[in-house]
Amino acid sequence: MNIGIIGAGHIGSALAGRLTSLGHSVYIANSRGPETLTELAQKTGATPVTAREAARHGDIIVVTIPLKNIPDLPKDLFEGVPASVPVIDTSNYYPLLRDGQLPELESGVLTESEWVQQHLGQPVVKVFNNILAPHLEKPGQPAGTPGRIALPVAGDDAAAKQKVMALVEELGYDAVDAGSLHESWRQQPGSPMYCNDLPAAEVRQHLASLGTTRTPEQHAEFTANQAAQEKQLHAQGVRL
């Protein structure tokens, strides 16, 4: 397939290398311009382009930039791109370490990907947000392998979600349907599935136990969990 990646950070770079190794044509963009991506291109085989070119390169588009930078993307970035082209959102909200406080996300009115979707003006599918980039860089495992890592995939468009789930499977992970975009809070930071490499049975178990409608108690619990994780990363000097 032709795949455009907007964002050349940890996840974007990992996906670029994995996807080109599978024979896909990958265009990758960052905020500083294609001339700054020469080294990454040599490493991954992806073609450096502008964000607009990446958004128009494809069968699937991946947006993988810091959440706070989403509103800075060109307003016409997806102009002319059919709504049938899946747009993957990998973002996570880090209010302490990077993004500052965003009222809609602090209140729990919107999930992170619903907020992203509003700004992009394009339907999105959420995946690859709950796996660490170093783990994503490594080849996945064949279907049926005991303990194969499963990734939750959330979105509102059934056809787009199926296309993304097929890509997840091709990368060597079990793709688990995680419901609608409004239900994607279940895979956000603070959840039991965040940055834990779990098999499909455990992912499905967590999804079932959490339910589909986020309660105020769950929002408070996840927020507290995330704050603790961010403080630990801050103490370790980790930069996102």
Protein backbone atom coordinates (compact mmCIF):
# COMPACT_ATOMS: atom_id res chain seq x y z
CA MET A 1 0.00 0.00 0.00
CA ASN A 2 0.89 3.66 -0.13
CA ILE A 3 1.14 4.95 3.44
CA GLY A 4 1.71 8.52 4.55
CA ILE A 5 3.14 9.25 8.00
CA ILE A 6 2.90 12.72 9.51
CA GLY A 7 5.35 12.81 12.38
CA ALA A 8 8.87 11.41 12.54
CA GLY A 9 9.23 10.90 16.28
CA HIS A 10 9.57 7.57 18.08
CA ILE A 11 6.33 5.96 16.83
CA GLY A 12 6.47 7.49 13.34
CA SER A 13 10.05 6.35 12.81
CA ALA A 14 9.32 2.86 14.13
CA LEU A 15 6.30 2.48 11.85
CA ALA A 16 8.23 3.80 8.84
CA GLY A 17 10.89 1.13 9.25
CA ARG A 18 8.44 -1.69 9.88
CA LEU A 19 6.11 -0.77 7.02
CA THR A 20 8.83 -0.35 4.40
CA SER A 21 10.27 -3.71 5.45
CA LEU A 22 6.88 -5.22 4.57
CA GLY A 23 7.05 -3.73 1.08
CA HIS A 24 4.79 -0.71 1.56
CA SER A 25 5.60 2.65 -0.03
CA VAL A 26 5.99 5.07 2.87
CA TYR A 27 6.11 8.87 2.70
CA ILE A 28 7.09 10.56 5.97
CA ALA A 29 6.92 14.18 7.06
CA ASN A 30 7.86 16.27 10.08
CA SER A 31 7.43 19.91 11.09
CA ARG A 32 10.95 20.96 10.05
CA GLY A 33 10.88 19.92 6.41
CA PRO A 34 11.91 16.88 4.33
CA GLU A 35 15.54 18.02 4.12
CA THR A 36 15.90 17.18 7.83
CA LEU A 37 14.82 13.57 7.33
CA THR A 38 17.74 12.33 5.21
CA GLU A 39 19.18 10.14 7.96
CA LEU A 40 15.79 8.65 8.80
CA ALA A 41 15.14 7.96 5.13
CA GLN A 42 18.43 6.08 4.85
CA LYS A 43 17.62 4.08 7.97
CA THR A 44 14.01 3.19 7.15
CA GLY A 45 13.65 3.43 3.39
CA ALA A 46 10.80 5.94 3.70
CA THR A 47 10.61 8.94 1.38
CA PRO A 48 10.83 12.38 3.07
CA VAL A 49 8.05 14.75 1.98
CA THR A 50 5.96 17.65 3.28
CA ALA A 51 2.96 17.03 5.52
CA ARG A 52 0.58 17.85 2.67
CA GLU A 53 2.31 15.32 0.42
CA ALA A 54 2.16 12.65 3.12
CA ALA A 55 -1.55 13.32 3.64
CA ARG A 56 -2.18 12.69 -0.04
CA HIS A 57 0.00 9.59 -0.35
CA GLY A 58 -2.24 7.00 0.34
CA ASP A 59 -4.30 4.14 1.20
CA ILE A 60 -3.71 4.85 4.91
CA ILE A 61 -2.44 7.98 6.66
CA VAL A 62 -0.83 8.01 10.12
CA VAL A 63 -0.80 11.15 12.26
CA THR A 64 1.71 10.69 15.04
CA ILE A 65 2.73 14.05 16.51
CA PRO A 66 2.53 15.51 20.03
CA LEU A 67 -1.09 16.15 20.92
CA LYS A 68 -0.47 19.84 21.63
CA ASN A 69 0.76 20.30 18.03
CA ILE A 70 -2.39 18.92 16.37
CA PRO A 71 -4.06 22.38 16.12
CA ASP A 72 -0.93 23.71 14.36
CA LEU A 73 -1.33 21.40 11.37
CA PRO A 74 -2.49 23.12 8.15
CA LYS A 75 -6.25 23.56 8.17
CA ASP A 76 -6.44 22.24 4.61
CA LEU A 77 -4.14 19.28 5.28
CA PHE A 78 -6.76 16.72 4.25
CA GLU A 79 -8.49 18.79 1.60
CA GLY A 80 -9.40 16.49 -1.27
CA VAL A 81 -8.58 13.33 0.71
CA PRO A 82 -11.60 10.98 0.60
CA ALA A 83 -13.21 10.23 3.95
CA SER A 84 -12.79 6.55 3.06
CA VAL A 85 -8.99 6.84 3.52
CA PRO A 86 -8.29 5.71 7.10
CA VAL A 87 -6.41 8.24 9.23
CA ILE A 88 -4.66 6.60 12.17
CA ASP A 89 -4.20 8.66 15.34
CA THR A 90 -1.49 7.43 17.71
CA SER A 91 -1.58 10.36 20.12
CA ASN A 92 -1.56 10.40 23.91
CA TYR A 93 -2.29 13.27 26.27
CA TYR A 94 0.56 14.21 28.63
CA PRO A 95 -0.55 17.34 30.52
CA LEU A 96 2.41 17.39 32.92
CA LEU A 97 5.32 16.48 30.67
CA ARG A 98 4.36 18.05 27.36
CA ASP A 99 0.86 19.19 26.41
CA GLY A 100 -0.36 21.42 29.20
CA GLN A 101 -3.97 21.14 30.31
CA LEU A 102 -6.68 20.88 27.66
CA PRO A 103 -10.11 21.51 29.25
CA GLU A 104 -12.05 19.07 27.04
CA LEU A 105 -9.68 16.25 27.97
CA GLU A 106 -9.41 17.20 31.63
CA SER A 107 -13.20 17.02 31.96
CA GLY A 108 -13.49 13.70 30.14
CA VAL A 109 -16.11 15.09 27.74
CA LEU A 110 -13.99 13.99 24.78
CA THR A 111 -11.54 11.17 24.32
CA GLU A 112 -8.12 12.14 23.03
CA SER A 113 -8.86 10.86 19.54
CA GLU A 114 -12.25 12.57 19.40
CA TRP A 115 -10.42 15.82 20.12
CA VAL A 116 -7.90 15.03 17.37
CA GLN A 117 -10.70 14.15 14.95
CA GLN A 118 -12.39 17.50 15.56
CA HIS A 119 -9.19 19.37 14.73
CA LEU A 120 -8.31 17.29 11.68
CA GLY A 121 -11.82 17.41 10.24
CA GLN A 122 -11.30 13.81 9.13
CA PRO A 123 -12.50 10.52 10.67
CA VAL A 124 -9.72 8.83 12.65
CA VAL A 125 -8.95 5.36 13.95
CA LYS A 126 -6.99 5.06 17.21
CA VAL A 127 -4.19 2.49 17.43
CA PHE A 128 -0.45 2.21 18.19
CA ASN A 129 -0.84 4.63 21.11
CA ASN A 130 -0.48 2.02 23.84
CA ILE A 131 2.67 0.22 22.67
CA LEU A 132 6.18 1.47 23.38
CA ALA A 133 8.13 2.54 20.28
CA PRO A 134 11.09 0.20 20.96
CA HIS A 135 8.63 -2.71 21.06
CA LEU A 136 7.00 -1.52 17.84
CA GLU A 137 10.38 -1.45 16.11
CA LYS A 138 10.80 -5.19 16.60
CA PRO A 139 9.10 -7.64 14.22
CA GLY A 140 5.78 -8.97 15.45
CA GLN A 141 4.82 -12.64 15.61
CA PRO A 142 2.86 -14.91 13.27
CA ALA A 143 -0.85 -15.30 13.93
CA GLY A 144 -1.54 -18.05 16.43
CA THR A 145 1.74 -17.59 18.32
CA PRO A 146 1.08 -18.02 22.07
CA GLY A 147 1.32 -14.70 23.86
CA ARG A 148 1.23 -12.65 20.66
CA ILE A 149 0.80 -8.97 21.54
CA ALA A 150 -2.67 -7.57 20.87
CA LEU A 151 -3.41 -3.95 20.04
CA PRO A 152 -6.83 -2.33 20.58
CA VAL A 153 -8.24 -0.53 17.53
CA ALA A 154 -11.04 2.01 18.05
CA GLY A 155 -13.01 3.94 15.43
CA ASP A 156 -16.46 4.77 14.12
CA ASP A 157 -16.11 3.75 10.47
CA ALA A 158 -16.31 -0.04 10.18
CA ALA A 159 -14.56 -0.23 6.79
CA ALA A 160 -11.72 2.04 7.88
CA LYS A 161 -11.30 0.09 11.10
CA GLN A 162 -11.12 -3.23 9.23
CA LYS A 163 -8.44 -1.86 6.92
CA VAL A 164 -6.39 -0.66 9.88
CA MET A 165 -6.88 -3.94 11.74
CA ALA A 166 -5.56 -5.82 8.71
CA LEU A 167 -2.44 -3.66 8.80
CA VAL A 168 -2.00 -4.35 12.52
CA GLU A 169 -2.21 -8.08 11.82
CA GLU A 170 0.32 -7.75 9.00
CA LEU A 171 2.74 -6.09 11.42
CA GLY A 172 2.51 -9.16 13.63
CA TYR A 173 -0.03 -8.22 16.29
CA ASP A 174 -3.53 -9.41 17.10
CA ALA A 175 -5.93 -6.59 16.27
CA VAL A 176 -8.77 -6.32 18.80
CA ASP A 177 -11.85 -4.27 17.97
CA ALA A 178 -12.02 -1.75 20.82
CA GLY A 179 -15.33 -0.21 19.83
CA SER A 180 -16.12 3.36 18.87
CA LEU A 181 -13.86 6.38 19.11
CA HIS A 182 -15.88 7.54 22.14
CA GLU A 183 -14.88 4.27 23.81
CA SER A 184 -11.16 4.74 23.11
CA TRP A 185 -10.65 6.10 26.65
CA ARG A 186 -10.14 2.45 27.54
CA GLN A 187 -6.72 2.45 25.82
CA GLN A 188 -5.57 5.91 26.86
CA PRO A 189 -2.80 6.59 29.43
CA GLY A 190 -3.79 5.43 32.89
CA SER A 191 -5.65 2.39 31.60
CA PRO A 192 -4.57 -1.19 32.33
CA MET A 193 -3.78 -1.66 28.63
CA TYR A 194 -1.49 1.36 28.32
CA CYS A 195 2.14 0.37 27.69
CA ASN A 196 1.44 -3.20 28.75
CA ASP A 197 2.06 -5.86 26.11
CA LEU A 198 -0.98 -8.08 26.58
CA PRO A 199 -2.38 -11.01 24.56
CA ALA A 200 -5.78 -10.73 22.90
CA ALA A 201 -7.67 -12.58 25.65
CA GLU A 202 -6.47 -10.12 28.30
CA VAL A 203 -7.17 -7.09 26.11
CA ARG A 204 -10.73 -8.31 25.53
CA GLN A 205 -11.11 -9.02 29.24
CA HIS A 206 -10.07 -5.47 30.13
CA LEU A 207 -12.39 -3.97 27.52
CA ALA A 208 -15.30 -5.99 28.89
CA SER A 209 -14.58 -5.20 32.53
CA LEU A 210 -14.25 -1.46 31.88
CA GLY A 211 -17.58 -1.23 30.10
CA THR A 212 -18.33 1.18 27.29
CA THR A 213 -19.37 4.36 29.11
CA ARG A 214 -16.68 6.06 31.17
CA THR A 215 -17.84 6.82 34.70
CA PRO A 216 -16.59 9.81 36.73
CA GLU A 217 -14.85 7.32 39.01
CA GLN A 218 -13.03 5.71 36.09
CA HIS A 219 -12.00 9.10 34.73
CA ALA A 220 -10.62 10.07 38.14
CA GLU A 221 -8.81 6.74 38.50
CA PHE A 222 -7.19 6.91 35.05
CA THR A 223 -6.21 10.55 35.59
CA ALA A 224 -4.53 9.67 38.90
CA ASN A 225 -2.75 6.70 37.31
CA GLN A 226 -1.47 8.86 34.49
CA ALA A 227 -0.30 11.62 36.83
CA ALA A 228 1.70 9.06 38.80
CA GLN A 229 3.24 7.68 35.60
CA GLU A 230 4.13 11.15 34.34
CA LYS A 231 5.74 12.11 37.67
CA GLN A 232 7.81 8.94 37.56
CA LEU A 233 8.93 9.68 33.98
CA HIS A 234 9.71 13.28 34.95
CA ALA A 235 11.86 12.07 37.85
CA GLN A 236 13.71 9.81 35.43
CA GLY A 237 14.39 12.73 33.11
CA VAL A 238 12.34 11.24 30.27
CA ARG A 239 11.38 13.66 27.50
CA LEU A 240 8.44 12.91 25.20
